[in-house]
Protein backbone atom coordinates (compact mmCIF):
# COMPACT_ATOMS: atom_id res chain seq x y z
CA MET A 1 32.99 -22.58 -60.28
CA ILE A 2 35.84 -24.74 -61.57
CA GLY A 3 38.87 -23.08 -63.13
CA ILE A 4 41.33 -24.84 -65.45
CA ASP A 5 44.70 -23.45 -66.50
CA ALA A 6 44.60 -23.94 -70.30
CA ARG A 7 47.64 -21.82 -71.19
CA LYS A 8 49.35 -24.95 -72.57
CA TYR A 9 46.39 -25.63 -74.88
CA PHE A 10 48.63 -26.00 -77.95
CA ASP A 11 51.56 -27.77 -76.29
CA TYR A 12 52.19 -31.21 -77.79
CA GLY A 13 51.38 -33.68 -74.99
CA ILE A 14 49.84 -31.55 -72.27
CA GLY A 15 47.89 -29.68 -74.93
CA THR A 16 46.18 -32.92 -75.97
CA TYR A 17 45.34 -33.57 -72.32
CA ILE A 18 43.83 -30.08 -71.86
CA GLN A 19 41.85 -30.17 -75.11
CA GLN A 20 40.39 -33.61 -74.44
CA LEU A 21 39.64 -32.83 -70.81
CA ILE A 22 37.70 -29.69 -71.70
CA ALA A 23 35.78 -31.36 -74.54
CA ASN A 24 34.82 -34.38 -72.46
CA LEU A 25 33.98 -32.45 -69.29
CA HIS A 26 31.56 -30.50 -71.46
CA GLY A 27 30.12 -33.78 -72.74
CA LEU A 28 29.33 -34.91 -69.18
CA GLN A 29 26.84 -32.04 -68.85
CA SER A 30 27.62 -31.48 -65.17
CA PRO A 31 25.84 -28.70 -63.21
CA HIS A 32 29.15 -26.91 -62.57
CA ARG A 33 30.33 -23.74 -64.27
CA PHE A 34 33.80 -23.68 -65.80
CA ILE A 35 36.46 -21.07 -66.51
CA ALA A 36 39.44 -21.74 -68.79
CA TYR A 37 42.46 -19.46 -68.42
CA VAL A 38 44.19 -19.18 -71.81
CA SER A 39 47.23 -17.37 -73.13
CA ARG A 40 46.25 -14.00 -74.55
CA ASP A 41 48.27 -14.79 -77.70
CA ASP A 42 46.28 -17.99 -78.26
CA ALA A 43 42.83 -16.76 -77.23
CA SER A 44 41.53 -16.06 -80.75
CA ARG A 45 42.47 -19.59 -81.88
CA ILE A 46 40.72 -21.40 -79.02
CA THR A 47 37.02 -22.19 -79.16
CA MET A 48 35.47 -23.16 -75.84
CA PRO A 49 32.15 -24.92 -75.22
CA GLN A 50 29.32 -22.39 -75.14
CA GLU A 51 28.75 -22.67 -71.37
CA TRP A 52 32.43 -22.15 -70.56
CA LYS A 53 34.03 -18.79 -69.86
CA LYS A 54 37.37 -18.13 -71.58
CA ILE A 55 39.64 -15.65 -69.81
CA PRO A 56 42.84 -14.53 -71.60
CA VAL A 57 45.81 -13.87 -69.30
CA ASN A 58 49.34 -12.55 -69.85
CA TYR A 59 51.16 -14.80 -67.38
CA GLY A 60 53.89 -16.65 -69.26
CA LYS A 61 54.45 -20.38 -68.86
CA TYR A 62 57.15 -21.16 -66.25
CA SER A 63 57.13 -17.48 -65.21
CA VAL A 64 57.20 -15.76 -61.84
CA ASN A 65 53.97 -14.00 -62.77
CA GLU A 66 52.02 -17.25 -63.10
CA ILE A 67 53.04 -18.19 -59.57
CA LEU A 68 52.32 -14.76 -58.08
CA PHE A 69 49.21 -13.59 -59.96
CA LEU A 70 47.24 -16.46 -61.53
CA GLY A 71 45.96 -17.53 -58.10
CA ARG A 72 44.78 -13.99 -57.37
CA GLN A 73 42.97 -13.97 -60.70
CA ALA A 74 41.20 -17.24 -59.82
CA ASN A 75 40.21 -15.87 -56.41
CA LYS A 76 38.80 -12.74 -58.04
CA ASP A 77 36.74 -14.90 -60.44
CA GLY A 78 35.19 -16.91 -57.60
CA VAL A 79 36.87 -20.20 -58.48
CA GLN A 80 36.09 -22.98 -55.97
CA VAL A 81 38.36 -25.63 -57.49
CA PHE A 82 41.45 -24.74 -59.52
CA HIS A 83 42.99 -27.41 -61.80
CA GLU A 84 46.59 -27.00 -62.89
CA PRO A 85 47.31 -29.62 -65.63
CA HIS A 86 51.06 -29.33 -65.11
CA TYR A 87 53.34 -29.65 -62.08
CA THR A 88 53.09 -26.00 -60.96
CA LEU A 89 50.62 -24.40 -58.56
CA PRO A 90 49.92 -20.65 -58.20
CA ALA A 91 50.49 -19.17 -54.76
CA GLY A 92 47.72 -17.58 -52.75
CA LEU A 93 44.81 -19.67 -54.01
CA ALA A 94 41.76 -19.38 -51.75
CA SER A 95 40.14 -22.38 -53.45
CA SER A 96 40.79 -26.09 -53.35
CA SER A 97 43.33 -27.18 -55.96
CA VAL A 98 44.00 -30.18 -58.17
CA VAL A 99 47.33 -30.63 -59.97
CA THR A 100 48.20 -33.19 -62.63
CA ILE A 101 51.80 -34.43 -62.55
CA HIS A 102 52.39 -36.41 -65.76
CA ASP A 103 55.91 -37.59 -64.90
CA LEU A 104 59.14 -36.67 -63.11
CA ILE A 105 61.20 -36.39 -66.30
CA HIS A 106 62.92 -33.13 -65.32
CA ILE A 107 64.10 -34.76 -62.11
CA ARG A 108 65.00 -38.18 -63.50
CA PHE A 109 66.97 -36.76 -66.44
CA PRO A 110 68.68 -33.63 -65.04
CA ARG A 111 71.37 -33.78 -67.74
CA VAL A 112 68.63 -32.93 -70.22
CA HIS A 113 67.27 -29.99 -68.24
CA PRO A 114 69.95 -28.98 -65.68
CA PHE A 115 68.13 -25.85 -64.53
CA ARG A 116 64.70 -27.46 -64.61
CA LYS A 117 65.65 -30.15 -62.08
CA ALA A 118 65.92 -27.53 -59.31
CA TYR A 119 62.78 -25.79 -60.60
CA ALA A 120 60.83 -29.06 -60.81
CA LEU A 121 61.93 -30.16 -57.35
CA ALA A 122 60.79 -26.85 -55.87
CA MET A 123 57.48 -26.79 -57.74
CA ILE A 124 56.54 -30.44 -57.11
CA SER A 125 57.47 -30.13 -53.44
CA HIS A 126 55.10 -27.16 -53.27
CA VAL A 127 52.38 -29.07 -55.16
CA VAL A 128 52.38 -32.22 -53.03
CA LYS A 129 52.32 -30.13 -49.87
CA HIS A 130 49.72 -27.50 -50.75
CA SER A 131 47.36 -29.01 -53.37
CA SER A 132 44.14 -30.74 -52.35
CA ARG A 133 44.73 -33.66 -54.75
CA VAL A 134 47.39 -34.78 -57.21
CA ILE A 135 46.35 -36.61 -60.39
CA VAL A 136 48.86 -38.86 -62.17
CA ASP A 137 48.59 -40.76 -65.45
CA SER A 138 49.84 -44.13 -64.17
CA GLU A 139 50.56 -46.26 -61.12
CA PHE A 140 54.22 -45.97 -62.08
CA THR A 141 54.20 -42.18 -61.66
CA LYS A 142 52.35 -42.48 -58.36
CA ILE A 143 55.08 -44.78 -57.03
CA ASP A 144 57.78 -42.52 -58.48
CA ILE A 145 56.35 -39.53 -56.59
CA LEU A 146 55.99 -41.48 -53.34
CA LYS A 147 59.65 -42.50 -53.59
CA SER A 148 60.81 -38.93 -54.07
CA PHE A 149 58.52 -36.73 -51.97
CA SER A 150 56.87 -36.79 -48.58
CA VAL A 151 53.18 -37.07 -49.44
CA ASP A 152 50.16 -38.99 -48.20
CA GLU A 153 49.44 -41.78 -50.71
CA ARG A 154 45.70 -41.11 -50.37
CA LYS A 155 46.25 -37.67 -51.89
CA ILE A 156 47.33 -39.14 -55.25
CA GLU A 157 44.70 -40.23 -57.78
CA VAL A 158 45.65 -42.42 -60.78
CA ILE A 159 43.58 -41.52 -63.84
CA TYR A 160 44.63 -42.97 -67.18
CA LEU A 161 44.65 -40.88 -70.34
CA GLY A 162 42.41 -41.70 -73.29
CA ILE A 163 42.48 -42.12 -77.05
CA GLY A 164 40.95 -39.70 -79.53
CA ALA A 165 38.10 -41.10 -81.64
CA GLN A 166 40.05 -40.26 -84.80
CA PHE A 167 42.61 -42.98 -84.04
CA LYS A 168 41.23 -46.09 -85.75
CA PRO A 169 42.08 -48.51 -88.57
CA LEU A 170 41.41 -46.98 -91.98
CA LYS A 171 40.70 -48.60 -95.32
CA ALA A 172 43.08 -47.86 -98.19
CA THR A 173 42.16 -44.55 -99.82
CA LYS A 174 43.58 -42.04 -102.25
CA GLY A 175 44.32 -39.91 -99.18
CA MET A 176 46.84 -42.49 -98.01
CA LYS A 177 48.64 -42.41 -101.37
CA ASP A 178 48.70 -38.61 -101.27
CA PHE A 179 50.05 -38.71 -97.72
CA ARG A 180 52.91 -41.01 -98.72
CA LYS A 181 53.71 -38.86 -101.75
CA ARG A 182 53.76 -35.61 -99.74
CA PHE A 183 56.25 -37.02 -97.23
CA HIS A 184 58.32 -39.10 -99.70
CA LEU A 185 57.39 -42.38 -98.03
CA ASP A 186 58.05 -44.63 -101.02
CA ASN A 187 59.15 -47.66 -99.00
CA PRO A 188 57.55 -49.48 -96.04
CA TYR A 189 58.48 -47.60 -92.88
CA ILE A 190 59.02 -47.88 -89.15
CA LEU A 191 57.36 -45.02 -87.26
CA PHE A 192 58.52 -43.00 -84.25
CA VAL A 193 56.38 -40.23 -82.72
CA GLY A 194 57.89 -37.94 -80.08
CA ASN A 195 60.49 -35.25 -79.45
CA ALA A 196 64.26 -35.53 -79.85
CA MET A 197 65.11 -35.33 -76.14
CA PRO A 198 67.57 -38.01 -74.94
CA HIS A 199 65.03 -39.79 -72.72
CA LYS A 200 62.95 -40.62 -75.81
CA GLY A 201 65.60 -43.12 -76.88
CA LEU A 202 66.05 -41.93 -80.47
CA GLU A 203 69.79 -42.58 -80.26
CA HIS A 204 69.09 -46.25 -79.52
CA LEU A 205 66.48 -46.42 -82.27
CA LEU A 206 69.00 -45.09 -84.80
CA GLY A 207 71.51 -47.72 -83.70
CA ALA A 208 68.92 -50.48 -83.97
CA PHE A 209 67.73 -49.24 -87.36
CA ALA A 210 71.31 -49.43 -88.68
CA LEU A 211 71.42 -53.11 -87.64
CA LEU A 212 68.35 -54.08 -89.64
CA ARG A 213 69.25 -56.15 -92.68
CA ASN A 214 66.23 -55.11 -94.72
CA ARG A 215 67.50 -52.03 -96.55
CA GLU A 216 64.09 -51.42 -98.14
CA VAL A 217 62.59 -50.12 -94.89
CA ASN A 218 62.70 -46.43 -93.95
CA LEU A 219 62.44 -44.76 -90.55
CA ALA A 220 59.77 -42.03 -90.31
CA ILE A 221 60.03 -39.53 -87.45
CA ILE A 222 57.09 -37.33 -86.41
CA GLY A 223 57.54 -34.55 -83.84
CA GLY A 224 61.17 -33.78 -83.16
CA ARG A 225 63.83 -33.45 -85.85
CA LEU A 226 67.36 -34.81 -85.77
CA SER A 227 68.55 -31.35 -86.76
CA GLN A 228 67.39 -30.14 -83.33
CA ASN A 229 70.00 -32.40 -81.75
CA GLU A 230 73.48 -32.20 -83.30
CA SER A 231 74.64 -35.48 -81.79
CA LEU A 232 71.65 -37.36 -83.24
CA ALA A 233 72.19 -35.90 -86.70
CA ALA A 234 75.89 -36.79 -86.51
CA ARG A 235 75.00 -40.28 -85.27
CA ALA A 236 72.68 -40.92 -88.22
CA LYS A 237 75.35 -39.74 -90.65
CA ALA A 238 78.05 -41.88 -89.04
CA LEU A 239 75.80 -44.94 -89.22
CA GLY A 240 75.13 -44.30 -92.90
CA ILE A 241 71.35 -44.20 -92.49
CA SER A 242 70.55 -40.52 -93.11
CA ASP A 243 69.16 -41.23 -96.58
CA ARG A 244 66.74 -43.80 -95.14
CA ILE A 245 65.23 -41.42 -92.59
CA ARG A 246 62.14 -39.34 -93.33
CA GLU A 247 61.55 -36.42 -90.94
CA LEU A 248 57.92 -35.33 -91.09
CA GLY A 249 58.11 -32.74 -88.28
CA ARG A 250 54.87 -31.75 -86.57
CA VAL A 251 51.90 -32.93 -88.61
CA SER A 252 48.14 -32.42 -88.51
CA SER A 253 45.89 -34.76 -86.55
CA GLU A 254 44.65 -36.21 -89.84
CA ASP A 255 48.18 -36.93 -91.10
CA LEU A 256 49.13 -38.47 -87.76
CA VAL A 257 46.29 -40.99 -88.08
CA LEU A 258 47.40 -41.78 -91.64
CA ALA A 259 51.01 -42.18 -90.48
CA TYR A 260 50.03 -44.73 -87.83
CA ASN A 261 47.83 -46.65 -90.27
CA GLU A 262 50.44 -46.84 -92.99
CA ALA A 263 53.38 -47.81 -90.73
CA GLU A 264 54.69 -51.37 -90.75
CA VAL A 265 55.48 -51.06 -87.06
CA PHE A 266 55.41 -48.32 -84.44
CA VAL A 267 58.38 -48.08 -82.06
CA LEU A 268 58.52 -46.29 -78.70
CA PRO A 269 62.13 -46.69 -77.46
CA SER A 270 61.85 -44.32 -74.47
CA LEU A 271 64.10 -44.66 -71.45
CA TYR A 272 61.35 -43.13 -69.32
CA GLU A 273 57.63 -42.42 -69.82
CA GLY A 274 54.90 -41.34 -67.42
CA PHE A 275 52.30 -42.86 -69.75
CA GLY A 276 53.19 -43.30 -73.44
CA LEU A 277 50.21 -41.94 -75.37
CA PRO A 278 51.60 -42.63 -78.90
CA ALA A 279 51.78 -46.37 -78.16
CA ILE A 280 48.05 -46.69 -77.55
CA GLU A 281 47.24 -44.35 -80.45
CA ALA A 282 49.18 -46.70 -82.73
CA MET A 283 47.35 -49.72 -81.26
CA ALA A 284 44.00 -48.01 -81.90
CA CYS A 285 45.00 -47.68 -85.56
CA GLY A 286 45.71 -51.41 -85.81
CA THR A 287 49.49 -50.95 -86.00
CA PRO A 288 51.85 -53.43 -84.28
CA VAL A 289 53.86 -51.84 -81.47
CA VAL A 290 57.41 -52.40 -80.23
CA SER A 291 57.97 -50.74 -76.86
CA SER A 292 60.77 -50.38 -74.34
CA ASP A 293 60.21 -51.22 -70.69
CA GLY A 294 60.92 -47.59 -69.72
CA GLY A 295 58.86 -46.08 -66.91
CA ALA A 296 55.11 -46.70 -67.19
CA LEU A 297 55.23 -48.37 -70.62
CA PRO A 298 54.86 -52.01 -69.44
CA GLU A 299 51.81 -50.93 -67.43
CA ILE A 300 50.26 -49.17 -70.44
CA VAL A 301 51.07 -51.55 -73.32
CA GLY A 302 50.46 -54.73 -71.28
CA ASP A 303 50.72 -57.87 -73.45
CA ALA A 304 49.86 -55.94 -76.61
CA ALA A 305 53.42 -55.08 -77.71
CA VAL A 306 56.83 -56.66 -78.19
CA VAL A 307 58.74 -55.24 -75.22
CA PHE A 308 62.54 -54.89 -75.06
CA HIS A 309 64.93 -53.67 -72.36
CA ARG A 310 65.33 -49.90 -72.63
CA GLY A 311 68.63 -48.80 -74.13
CA ASN A 312 69.43 -52.19 -75.67
CA LYS A 313 69.72 -51.51 -79.40
CA GLY A 314 70.40 -55.17 -80.23
CA GLU A 315 67.15 -56.27 -78.57
CA LEU A 316 65.32 -53.43 -80.24
CA ALA A 317 66.62 -54.38 -83.69
CA ASP A 318 65.63 -58.01 -83.11
CA ALA A 319 62.14 -56.97 -81.94
CA ILE A 320 61.55 -54.79 -85.02
CA ASP A 321 62.93 -57.47 -87.35
CA GLN A 322 60.70 -60.09 -85.73
CA VAL A 323 57.55 -58.00 -86.19
CA LEU A 324 58.45 -57.16 -89.79
CA LYS A 325 58.99 -60.79 -90.73
CA ASP A 326 56.51 -62.76 -88.61
CA SER A 327 52.99 -62.20 -89.93
CA ARG A 328 51.48 -64.39 -87.21
CA LEU A 329 53.11 -62.30 -84.49
CA ARG A 330 51.88 -59.13 -86.19
CA ARG A 331 48.30 -60.37 -86.25
CA THR A 332 48.52 -61.41 -82.59
CA ILE A 333 49.83 -58.12 -81.20
CA VAL A 334 47.50 -56.07 -83.41
CA ALA A 335 44.53 -58.03 -82.02
CA GLU A 336 45.83 -57.66 -78.47
CA GLY A 337 46.37 -53.94 -79.06
CA LEU A 338 42.76 -53.43 -80.11
CA LYS A 339 41.71 -55.19 -76.89
CA ASN A 340 44.16 -53.24 -74.75
CA ILE A 341 42.87 -49.82 -75.84
CA ARG A 342 39.49 -50.53 -74.25
CA ARG A 343 41.14 -49.55 -70.95
CA PHE A 344 41.64 -45.96 -72.13
CA SER A 345 38.86 -43.42 -72.70
CA TRP A 346 38.96 -39.62 -72.59
CA LYS A 347 35.34 -39.64 -71.45
CA GLU A 348 36.36 -41.81 -68.50
CA THR A 349 39.36 -39.55 -67.85
CA ALA A 350 37.00 -36.56 -67.65
CA ARG A 351 34.44 -38.40 -65.51
CA LYS A 352 37.02 -39.45 -62.94
CA THR A 353 38.60 -35.98 -62.96
CA LEU A 354 35.18 -34.42 -62.30
CA GLU A 355 34.78 -36.79 -59.35
CA VAL A 356 38.06 -35.47 -57.95
CA TYR A 357 36.85 -31.87 -58.33
CA GLU A 358 33.64 -32.70 -56.49
CA ARG A 359 35.44 -34.49 -53.64
CA VAL A 360 37.65 -31.47 -52.93
CA MET A 361 35.00 -28.81 -53.56
């Protein structure tokens, strides 16, 4: 019996990881039985594969109860391998355990989450000491963990994330026109996908956008909103670019694919990333990518993006301007992007994860 903590099923990044892992583990048709622990509030909205058992629990995310009681629940259910897709690990587990650590953002950017640094340090220290295996999304994160914690390198498994089948180049359709009309995207636009936390580099993107000479280009933001960060909203107003920004908020999977396809260029200006999923989603849609060199991004984008030094708004503005103007460069990085995405498959993510389960079982 393999148990997976799926309480973050609807969380933005980790939720995608959980959903794809469950769907693709099911597709492997392994002989193992699976249990998914879901939030009781979300249980009615989650459909599991027929062979899987869905168990609603009341333990809140980041709560004392998840640490004290989720392990006991797994023991009671006869779980042999417990997979925690986040950097926590319940106490008292009788089974082997696998934990995925996506990044060390709460440690590397304590000014963003002052309380969470202490929490993350305590939890990750517990994880690397007591788990059977640690899965990470990139070689970068593996090295980052080895630098910060005392852990046997052989305990850490690098398994890349994948790309959903829905992310692909689309032909022009009426749906694209409707999408643009709904979100007031009258002009060509630069696209950003992510939250408004400081490590995502939105402040630098705003500064770079203000430097662009082409006033007919808008900036579309999916995910976070500037209104969630007073300094970002004030920054946009001070730069005189507020009227050129389109905030789409959280959108459906279908609209996200349309947004990538319709964008002139996708920009990921992060100061730190453990992987950088939106960059390869954009590549899969045939959209040229401009990426910072933050964290794992050079490892993930390879030669398939125009890469600039993180935090350098002048370099970022030049990179965007170059991609907008140089059609030959656009064609080159789009072609390289479509090659690069062959390295990333959710089916392969699930297959390698299943191998980890079986090694520790």
